[in-house]
Protein backbone atom coordinates (compact mmCIF):
# COMPACT_ATOMS: atom_id res chain seq x y z
CA MET A 1 37.16 38.73 -128.62
CA ASN A 2 34.26 36.54 -129.56
CA PRO A 3 33.72 36.24 -133.30
CA GLN A 4 30.66 38.14 -135.24
CA ILE A 5 27.65 36.10 -134.95
CA TYR A 6 25.30 36.33 -137.82
CA HIS A 7 21.48 35.55 -137.67
CA LEU A 8 19.65 33.58 -140.51
CA PRO A 9 15.92 33.94 -139.89
CA LEU A 10 14.93 31.36 -142.67
CA THR A 11 12.37 28.81 -142.89
CA LEU A 12 12.74 26.71 -146.25
CA GLU A 13 9.65 24.72 -148.15
CA THR A 14 10.05 21.33 -146.93
CA PRO A 15 11.00 19.44 -143.49
CA ALA A 16 14.13 17.60 -145.27
CA ALA A 17 15.29 21.10 -146.65
CA ASN A 18 15.00 22.68 -143.04
CA LEU A 19 17.06 19.94 -141.40
CA ALA A 20 19.47 19.79 -144.21
CA LEU A 21 20.35 23.64 -143.89
CA ASP A 22 21.30 23.11 -140.10
CA GLU A 23 24.03 20.47 -141.05
CA ALA A 24 25.09 22.37 -144.48
CA LEU A 25 25.70 25.60 -142.28
CA LEU A 26 27.84 23.51 -140.09
CA ASP A 27 29.76 21.75 -143.41
CA ALA A 28 29.99 25.23 -144.87
CA ALA A 29 31.48 26.31 -141.54
CA PHE A 30 34.08 23.72 -141.26
CA GLU A 31 35.30 24.26 -144.76
CA GLY A 32 36.03 27.85 -143.89
CA GLU A 33 33.04 29.03 -146.24
CA LEU A 34 30.97 30.81 -143.56
CA ALA A 35 32.98 33.92 -141.59
CA GLY A 36 31.75 33.89 -137.93
CA GLU A 37 29.45 32.01 -136.23
CA VAL A 38 25.49 31.81 -137.32
CA LEU A 39 22.16 31.68 -135.16
CA ARG A 40 19.60 30.38 -137.44
CA LEU A 41 15.81 30.70 -136.29
CA TRP A 42 12.95 29.08 -138.44
CA GLU A 43 9.63 27.72 -137.71
CA PRO A 44 8.19 24.63 -139.66
CA CYS A 45 4.66 25.51 -141.58
CA GLU A 46 3.76 21.78 -141.27
CA PHE A 47 4.30 19.06 -138.60
CA PHE A 48 6.86 16.45 -138.91
CA VAL A 49 8.63 13.69 -136.65
CA VAL A 50 12.48 13.59 -136.30
CA LEU A 51 14.13 10.99 -134.90
CA GLY A 52 17.84 11.34 -133.11
CA ARG A 53 20.82 10.01 -135.01
CA SER A 54 20.79 6.76 -133.12
CA SER A 55 16.65 6.65 -132.19
CA SER A 56 14.58 3.46 -133.17
CA LEU A 57 11.72 3.64 -135.27
CA ASP A 58 9.84 1.96 -132.55
CA GLU A 59 9.63 5.33 -130.98
CA VAL A 60 7.02 6.48 -133.74
CA HIS A 61 3.57 5.76 -133.87
CA HIS A 62 3.70 4.99 -138.10
CA ALA A 63 0.29 4.39 -138.42
CA ALA A 64 -0.89 7.66 -137.10
CA CYS A 65 1.62 9.54 -138.76
CA ARG A 66 0.74 8.04 -141.99
CA ALA A 67 -2.91 8.64 -141.59
CA ASP A 68 -2.44 12.37 -140.91
CA GLY A 69 0.49 12.75 -143.54
CA VAL A 70 3.16 13.69 -140.91
CA PRO A 71 6.67 12.89 -142.45
CA VAL A 72 9.11 10.88 -140.23
CA LEU A 73 12.86 11.84 -140.72
CA ARG A 74 16.34 11.73 -139.05
CA ARG A 75 18.63 14.32 -138.06
CA PRO A 76 22.28 14.03 -137.80
CA THR A 77 22.57 14.75 -133.90
CA GLY A 78 21.84 12.86 -130.88
CA GLY A 79 19.04 13.11 -128.25
CA ALA A 80 15.19 11.57 -128.35
CA THR A 81 12.62 11.60 -131.14
CA ILE A 82 10.54 14.98 -131.67
CA VAL A 83 7.53 16.56 -133.28
CA ALA A 84 7.79 19.56 -135.03
CA GLY A 85 5.71 22.37 -136.55
CA PRO A 86 3.84 25.59 -136.27
CA GLY A 87 3.75 26.90 -132.68
CA CYS A 88 7.22 25.14 -132.30
CA LEU A 89 10.44 27.67 -132.50
CA MET A 90 13.39 26.12 -134.10
CA TYR A 91 16.88 27.26 -133.54
CA ALA A 92 20.38 26.49 -134.28
CA VAL A 93 23.88 27.76 -133.49
CA VAL A 94 27.06 27.18 -135.29
CA LEU A 95 30.05 28.00 -133.10
CA ASP A 96 33.62 28.55 -133.75
CA LEU A 97 35.49 25.87 -131.55
CA GLU A 98 39.04 27.60 -132.28
CA GLN A 99 37.62 30.64 -130.94
CA ARG A 100 35.66 28.55 -128.06
CA PRO A 101 37.93 25.45 -127.39
CA GLU A 102 36.25 25.06 -123.88
CA LEU A 103 33.32 23.69 -126.19
CA ARG A 104 34.74 20.72 -127.24
CA SER A 105 33.62 19.27 -123.96
CA VAL A 106 30.20 18.08 -124.79
CA ASP A 107 28.96 19.10 -121.08
CA ARG A 108 30.44 22.32 -121.25
CA ALA A 109 28.86 22.76 -124.74
CA HIS A 110 25.48 22.11 -123.08
CA GLN A 111 25.86 23.97 -120.34
CA PHE A 112 27.14 27.24 -122.39
CA VAL A 113 24.72 27.26 -125.02
CA LEU A 114 21.44 26.33 -122.67
CA GLY A 115 22.74 28.71 -120.03
CA ARG A 116 22.71 31.49 -122.45
CA ILE A 117 19.21 30.56 -123.77
CA ALA A 118 18.03 30.12 -120.08
CA THR A 119 19.13 33.56 -119.14
CA ALA A 120 17.71 35.04 -122.30
CA LEU A 121 14.08 33.57 -121.71
CA SER A 122 14.06 33.92 -117.63
CA PRO A 123 12.65 37.59 -117.99
CA LEU A 124 10.02 36.36 -119.98
CA ALA A 125 8.80 33.51 -117.69
CA ASP A 126 9.79 32.42 -114.13
CA GLY A 127 11.11 29.13 -113.34
CA VAL A 128 13.27 28.22 -116.37
CA ALA A 129 16.12 26.04 -115.69
CA LEU A 130 18.12 23.45 -117.05
CA ALA A 131 17.25 20.03 -116.35
CA GLY A 132 18.45 16.23 -117.56
CA THR A 133 21.36 16.17 -119.73
CA SER A 134 19.99 18.79 -122.70
CA ASP A 135 16.42 19.94 -121.52
CA LEU A 136 15.07 23.59 -120.45
CA THR A 137 12.05 23.33 -118.29
CA LEU A 138 9.65 25.38 -116.27
CA ALA A 139 8.37 24.95 -112.78
CA VAL A 140 5.01 24.16 -112.19
CA ALA A 141 3.11 26.29 -109.39
CA ASN A 142 0.68 23.79 -107.70
CA SER A 143 0.27 22.27 -104.69
CA LEU A 144 0.84 18.61 -105.85
CA GLY A 145 4.79 19.03 -105.85
CA GLU A 146 4.99 18.22 -109.31
CA PRO A 147 8.47 17.90 -111.25
CA PRO A 148 9.10 20.80 -113.53
CA ARG A 149 7.60 20.22 -117.46
CA LYS A 150 10.03 20.37 -120.56
CA PHE A 151 9.58 23.06 -123.25
CA SER A 152 12.80 22.93 -124.92
CA GLY A 153 14.73 19.67 -126.01
CA ASN A 154 18.27 20.40 -127.77
CA SER A 155 21.24 18.31 -129.39
CA LEU A 156 24.58 18.85 -130.71
CA ARG A 157 27.21 17.58 -133.16
CA LEU A 158 31.04 18.56 -133.21
CA LYS A 159 32.92 18.46 -136.37
CA ARG A 160 36.36 18.87 -135.35
CA HIS A 161 36.95 23.00 -134.91
CA ARG A 162 32.93 23.57 -135.44
CA LEU A 163 29.91 22.94 -133.42
CA LEU A 164 26.44 22.47 -134.09
CA TYR A 165 23.94 22.98 -131.32
CA HIS A 166 19.93 23.08 -131.97
CA GLY A 167 16.84 22.80 -130.71
CA THR A 168 13.17 23.47 -129.98
CA ILE A 169 11.03 26.06 -127.93
CA MET A 170 7.50 25.16 -127.72
CA TYR A 171 5.36 28.23 -127.36
CA ASP A 172 1.98 27.48 -128.97
CA PHE A 173 2.26 23.96 -129.81
CA PRO A 174 -0.71 21.32 -129.51
CA LEU A 175 0.52 19.26 -127.05
CA GLU A 176 -2.43 16.51 -127.02
CA GLN A 177 -0.66 15.52 -130.47
CA LEU A 178 2.38 13.96 -128.91
CA GLY A 179 1.02 10.96 -127.94
CA ARG A 180 -0.62 10.45 -131.01
CA TRP A 181 2.78 10.65 -133.04
CA LEU A 182 5.08 9.55 -130.65
CA ALA A 183 5.67 6.29 -128.67
CA LYS A 184 7.14 5.75 -125.11
CA PRO A 185 11.09 6.96 -125.64
CA ALA A 186 13.44 4.19 -125.19
CA ARG A 187 15.16 6.48 -122.52
CA ALA A 188 14.07 9.43 -120.69
CA PRO A 189 15.43 11.87 -118.09
CA GLN A 190 15.00 11.12 -114.29
CA TYR A 191 12.85 13.89 -114.05
CA ARG A 192 10.26 12.85 -116.32
CA CYS A 193 8.89 10.59 -113.53
CA GLN A 194 7.24 8.10 -116.32
CA ARG A 195 5.01 11.02 -117.35
CA ALA A 196 2.94 10.50 -120.66
CA HIS A 197 4.16 13.13 -123.52
CA GLU A 198 1.27 15.63 -122.94
CA ALA A 199 1.66 15.36 -118.93
CA PHE A 200 5.59 16.03 -119.23
CA VAL A 201 6.04 18.94 -121.61
CA ILE A 202 4.76 22.78 -121.48
CA ASN A 203 4.53 25.79 -123.95
CA PHE A 204 6.65 28.42 -123.00
CA PRO A 205 4.35 31.23 -121.94
CA ALA A 206 5.65 33.93 -124.27
CA SER A 207 4.58 35.41 -127.81
CA ARG A 208 7.23 34.11 -130.71
CA GLU A 209 8.12 37.60 -131.07
CA LEU A 210 9.55 38.09 -127.92
CA ILE A 211 11.20 34.69 -127.83
CA VAL A 212 13.13 35.47 -130.95
CA THR A 213 13.91 39.18 -129.99
CA ALA A 214 15.25 37.59 -126.44
CA LEU A 215 17.43 35.08 -128.49
CA VAL A 216 18.94 37.59 -130.87
CA ASN A 217 19.61 40.00 -128.27
CA ALA A 218 21.12 37.23 -126.06
CA TRP A 219 23.76 36.15 -129.08
CA ASP A 220 24.23 39.68 -130.36
CA ALA A 221 23.11 38.13 -133.77
CA THR A 222 21.97 42.17 -135.31
CA THR A 223 23.27 41.31 -138.50
CA THR A 224 21.68 39.14 -141.09
CA LEU A 225 23.71 36.31 -142.77
CA SER A 226 22.79 36.99 -146.57
CA ASP A 227 24.76 34.11 -148.09
CA TRP A 228 23.78 30.89 -147.20
CA PRO A 229 24.82 27.52 -148.48
CA ARG A 230 22.22 26.81 -151.09
CA GLN A 231 23.90 24.32 -153.04
CA ARG A 232 24.87 21.98 -150.03
CA THR A 233 21.18 22.30 -148.56
CA VAL A 234 19.67 20.69 -151.81
CA GLU A 235 22.13 17.78 -152.06
CA LEU A 236 21.65 17.09 -148.48
CA ALA A 237 17.61 17.32 -148.64
CA THR A 238 17.54 15.36 -151.63
CA GLY A 239 20.15 12.93 -150.51
CA ARG A 240 20.79 11.61 -147.04
CA PHE A 241 17.71 13.54 -145.37
CA ALA A 242 14.94 12.20 -148.01
CA SER A 243 15.13 8.64 -146.05
CA VAL A 244 14.79 7.89 -142.38
CA GLU A 245 17.26 5.11 -143.21
CA TRP A 246 20.42 6.44 -142.91
């Protein structure tokens, strides 16, 4: 029997606090302070750039970010640099590897989480598929044979017997801004085919409300998590997540 999955619909005030909360949930679960598993859903109120754990600062157009007041932060999970902001739903799941030992395999973890999300979203749009290492894409219907476009990027962190898996779902995002704030990535999946940012990505064609409902139902996360790790979040947000240099 799978453990209880709680829903945490919570957006905090700052980009650093929002990134810190995902890690705080993982840490609290690792320390036995959270019962069950957690699905967190949130959406930023402002735009910001997030580097992956080992991403280079060269992947960011710093002058444009400074001019536009777009903060640049770093997350503790892998993957490429992203832009988050209004029109991009963010999700995180913290899973119990003692109950799901097969997810200690990174490949199995990607397949499990993204497979569940793809199944949940497929009734809302045709052509949802997994691509690359950890992307979700939509098929593009045209006569040019264009490769699929990405609407969701994802990454993970394993901490002994707990897993943090989180990512993005763009649904109403200003795609033209990506090329202003992001430089060419250091690495890219083969299906990108050297396309520019705005030609590589796409908004998922459904409302935020429908996407949220689909995800909550897919994870059976119908019980709200009332007690989340507030102090851990504050300490991480004002410490490690306050700087991109870590």
